[in-house]
Amino acid sequence: MDAERSIGMRLWGAWPWLRRGPGFRERTVGHLAGQVLEIGFGYGDNLPHYRAASAVWAIEPDPDGFGEAARLARGVPFPVTLSRAVAEALPFADASFDTVVGTLVFCSVSAPLAALAEVRRVLRPNGTLHLFEHVRAPQPWLAWVQDRLSGPWKHWSGGCHVNRDTVGLLRAAGFSLQRFRSRLGGLVVEIQAGVKI
C-alpha cells in the first residue's frame, strides 16, 4: 500500500494544474475557522486558501510531499502541524477539532467507514466535515463504466476508487448532509456534513 500511495503522490505532483484546481480549494477551505484537521494533506495545496483557520493539523500517510508542504506552511499566518498518519487511526483525542476537511482523498482511503468513524470521534459537538470528492456517477451507464475501470484505475492511481459512493458512506456513518453541490453531472461533489444527533 505504501508503494501505491507513493505512485499516487508522484502522479499528483506531476500535474500542477490539477493540484491547483479551478477554485474548489478556495470554496472548500477558505471560510473554515477554528481548529481544523485536514486528511490527506499531500503537498499542502489547500494551505494558501485558508483565510480564517486558527490552526491546521494535517495528516498524510505518504511523506513524499512533506518537504513542499513544510515550505508552504512557513508562509501562512497560523500554525500548521504535519503528521504521518492514516484516516482510519487518527492520532488525536476525542472532540479535538471544529472542522475536518478532505479534498480528493476519500476515494483512496482503504477503509472509509472506519475513517469516517474516526472523523466523528475527533469532531467537537456541532463540528463539520467538508469534502470535495469525485464519486460514483448517478447515471447507471456511467457507474457501469466506472465499475469496469475501477480495478486498473486503482492500481495505476495509487489506490483511488473511481466508483466510490462517498455520499452513501457518509450517510451510513451517521453524517447528515448540510450542504451539497454537484458538479460535472454528479461526478464531483462539494459537501458540508454534520453528525446526526
Protein backbone atom coordinates (compact mmCIF):
# COMPACT_ATOMS: atom_id res chain seq x y z
CA MET A 1 0.00 0.00 0.00
CA ASP A 2 2.86 2.44 0.72
CA ALA A 3 4.19 1.80 -2.79
CA GLU A 4 0.73 2.52 -4.27
CA ARG A 5 0.46 5.74 -2.29
CA SER A 6 3.92 6.83 -3.46
CA ILE A 7 2.89 6.24 -7.08
CA GLY A 8 -0.25 8.29 -6.50
CA MET A 9 1.72 11.13 -4.91
CA ARG A 10 4.17 11.24 -7.82
CA LEU A 11 1.35 11.30 -10.36
CA TRP A 12 -0.43 14.04 -8.43
CA GLY A 13 2.76 16.07 -8.20
CA ALA A 14 3.27 15.82 -11.95
CA TRP A 15 0.04 17.72 -12.71
CA PRO A 16 0.26 21.16 -11.03
CA TRP A 17 -2.78 22.47 -12.93
CA LEU A 18 -4.89 19.70 -11.40
CA ARG A 19 -3.40 20.28 -7.96
CA ARG A 20 -4.39 23.95 -8.04
CA GLY A 21 -7.95 23.14 -9.04
CA PRO A 22 -10.47 25.52 -10.61
CA GLY A 23 -11.45 27.34 -7.41
CA PHE A 24 -12.58 24.30 -5.45
CA ARG A 25 -9.85 24.69 -2.83
CA GLU A 26 -10.94 28.23 -2.01
CA ARG A 27 -14.59 27.18 -1.82
CA THR A 28 -13.80 24.19 0.39
CA VAL A 29 -11.38 25.66 2.95
CA GLY A 30 -11.37 29.45 2.56
CA HIS A 31 -14.10 30.06 5.16
CA LEU A 32 -13.14 27.37 7.70
CA ALA A 33 -12.43 28.78 11.15
CA GLY A 34 -11.06 27.46 14.43
CA GLN A 35 -9.06 24.24 14.82
CA VAL A 36 -9.00 22.37 11.50
CA LEU A 37 -7.86 18.82 10.71
CA GLU A 38 -7.03 18.13 7.07
CA ILE A 39 -6.96 14.49 6.00
CA GLY A 40 -4.79 13.52 3.05
CA PHE A 41 -2.70 16.68 3.12
CA GLY A 42 -0.46 15.69 0.20
CA TYR A 43 1.73 18.59 -0.90
CA GLY A 44 -0.25 21.14 1.14
CA ASP A 45 -2.13 22.56 -1.85
CA ASN A 46 -5.00 23.82 0.31
CA LEU A 47 -2.78 25.85 2.66
CA PRO A 48 -2.71 29.14 0.72
CA HIS A 49 -6.52 29.15 0.64
CA TYR A 50 -7.22 29.07 4.39
CA ARG A 51 -8.29 32.58 5.45
CA ALA A 52 -9.94 32.08 8.86
CA ALA A 53 -8.37 28.99 10.49
CA SER A 54 -6.73 29.38 13.90
CA ALA A 55 -4.55 26.31 13.34
CA VAL A 56 -4.35 23.40 10.92
CA TRP A 57 -3.33 19.86 11.79
CA ALA A 58 -2.55 17.82 8.69
CA ILE A 59 -2.17 14.08 8.24
CA GLU A 60 -0.75 12.26 5.24
CA PRO A 61 0.29 8.60 5.04
CA ASP A 62 2.93 9.27 2.37
CA PRO A 63 5.70 11.67 3.47
CA ASP A 64 6.85 12.36 -0.12
CA GLY A 65 5.17 15.75 -0.17
CA PHE A 66 6.12 16.88 3.33
CA GLY A 67 9.08 18.97 2.16
CA GLU A 68 6.93 21.12 -0.08
CA ALA A 69 4.12 21.16 2.50
CA ALA A 70 6.54 22.37 5.19
CA ARG A 71 7.74 25.15 2.88
CA LEU A 72 4.15 26.28 2.26
CA ALA A 73 3.40 26.09 5.99
CA ARG A 74 6.08 28.69 6.69
CA GLY A 75 4.17 31.18 4.55
CA VAL A 76 0.82 31.12 6.33
CA PRO A 77 -0.18 33.21 9.39
CA PHE A 78 -1.35 30.27 11.53
CA PRO A 79 0.39 27.20 12.97
CA VAL A 80 0.46 24.03 10.88
CA THR A 81 1.30 20.63 12.37
CA LEU A 82 2.17 17.84 9.92
CA SER A 83 1.86 14.17 10.91
CA ARG A 84 2.31 10.90 9.07
CA ALA A 85 -0.90 9.03 9.83
CA VAL A 86 -3.88 7.34 8.18
CA ALA A 87 -7.50 8.45 8.38
CA GLU A 88 -8.53 5.11 9.88
CA ALA A 89 -6.42 5.73 13.02
CA LEU A 90 -6.28 9.44 13.78
CA PRO A 91 -3.67 10.26 16.45
CA PHE A 92 -5.83 12.85 18.21
CA ALA A 93 -8.05 12.97 21.28
CA ASP A 94 -11.84 12.89 21.10
CA ALA A 95 -13.55 16.20 20.25
CA SER A 96 -10.32 17.94 19.21
CA PHE A 97 -11.43 19.80 16.08
CA ASP A 98 -14.04 22.29 14.94
CA THR A 99 -13.72 21.09 11.36
CA VAL A 100 -12.33 18.17 9.37
CA VAL A 101 -11.61 18.63 5.69
CA GLY A 102 -10.62 16.40 2.78
CA THR A 103 -10.14 17.25 -0.87
CA LEU A 104 -9.91 14.39 -3.36
CA VAL A 105 -8.85 11.98 -0.64
CA PHE A 106 -11.72 9.73 0.48
CA CYS A 107 -11.57 7.91 -2.87
CA SER A 108 -8.26 6.40 -1.76
CA VAL A 109 -8.88 5.73 1.94
CA SER A 110 -8.58 1.97 2.47
CA ALA A 111 -11.43 1.63 4.99
CA PRO A 112 -13.72 4.66 4.52
CA LEU A 113 -16.30 3.71 7.17
CA ALA A 114 -13.54 3.31 9.77
CA ALA A 115 -12.09 6.66 8.69
CA LEU A 116 -15.48 8.37 8.97
CA ALA A 117 -15.94 6.88 12.44
CA GLU A 118 -12.61 8.44 13.38
CA VAL A 119 -13.72 11.76 11.91
CA ARG A 120 -16.85 11.62 14.08
CA ARG A 121 -14.73 10.85 17.12
CA VAL A 122 -12.36 13.81 16.73
CA LEU A 123 -15.03 16.36 15.78
CA ARG A 124 -16.38 18.61 18.52
CA PRO A 125 -20.14 18.85 19.08
CA ASN A 126 -21.61 20.80 16.14
CA GLY A 127 -18.37 20.32 14.21
CA THR A 128 -18.50 19.83 10.45
CA LEU A 129 -16.86 17.72 7.78
CA HIS A 130 -16.09 19.44 4.46
CA LEU A 131 -15.30 17.38 1.38
CA PHE A 132 -14.56 17.92 -2.29
CA GLU A 133 -14.61 14.47 -3.93
CA HIS A 134 -15.13 12.64 -7.18
CA VAL A 135 -17.80 9.99 -6.62
CA ARG A 136 -19.81 7.18 -8.17
CA ALA A 137 -21.87 8.57 -11.05
CA PRO A 138 -25.64 8.88 -10.57
CA GLN A 139 -26.19 7.73 -14.17
CA PRO A 140 -26.34 3.88 -14.29
CA TRP A 141 -24.43 3.62 -17.58
CA LEU A 142 -21.60 5.82 -16.32
CA ALA A 143 -21.46 3.98 -12.98
CA TRP A 144 -21.15 0.76 -15.02
CA VAL A 145 -18.15 2.24 -16.85
CA GLN A 146 -16.61 3.30 -13.52
CA ASP A 147 -17.06 -0.24 -12.17
CA ARG A 148 -15.22 -1.68 -15.17
CA LEU A 149 -12.38 0.84 -14.81
CA SER A 150 -12.08 0.56 -11.05
CA GLY A 151 -9.52 -2.26 -10.85
CA PRO A 152 -6.92 -0.94 -13.28
CA TRP A 153 -7.55 2.67 -12.22
CA LYS A 154 -6.95 1.81 -8.55
CA HIS A 155 -3.65 0.16 -9.38
CA TRP A 156 -2.50 2.95 -11.70
CA SER A 157 -3.58 5.87 -9.49
CA GLY A 158 -2.22 4.79 -6.12
CA GLY A 159 -5.38 3.27 -4.62
CA CYS A 160 -8.06 5.64 -5.93
CA HIS A 161 -11.53 4.05 -6.21
CA VAL A 162 -13.11 5.82 -9.18
CA ASN A 163 -16.54 4.34 -8.36
CA ARG A 164 -16.73 5.01 -4.61
CA ASP A 165 -20.16 6.01 -3.28
CA THR A 166 -18.85 8.57 -0.80
CA VAL A 167 -22.28 10.13 -0.24
CA GLY A 168 -23.75 6.75 0.70
CA LEU A 169 -20.81 6.07 3.01
CA LEU A 170 -21.34 9.41 4.77
CA ARG A 171 -24.96 8.55 5.45
CA ALA A 172 -24.06 5.04 6.62
CA ALA A 173 -21.51 6.54 9.02
CA GLY A 174 -24.14 8.76 10.66
CA PHE A 175 -23.49 12.06 8.91
CA SER A 176 -26.20 14.36 7.61
CA LEU A 177 -25.65 16.48 4.51
CA GLN A 178 -25.97 20.14 5.46
CA ARG A 179 -24.78 21.49 2.11
CA PHE A 180 -24.40 19.57 -1.13
CA ARG A 181 -23.34 20.80 -4.54
CA SER A 182 -22.98 18.52 -7.53
CA ARG A 183 -20.68 19.26 -10.46
CA LEU A 184 -19.80 17.63 -13.78
CA GLY A 185 -23.07 15.75 -13.97
CA GLY A 186 -22.73 14.36 -10.46
CA LEU A 187 -19.18 13.02 -10.86
CA VAL A 188 -17.82 15.60 -8.42
CA VAL A 189 -19.45 16.84 -5.22
CA GLU A 190 -18.83 19.55 -2.66
CA ILE A 191 -20.21 18.57 0.76
CA GLN A 192 -20.62 20.02 4.20
CA ALA A 193 -21.78 17.34 6.62
CA GLY A 194 -22.59 17.22 10.31
CA VAL A 195 -23.00 14.37 12.76
CA LYS A 196 -26.59 13.21 13.25
CA ILE A 197 -27.66 13.74 16.85
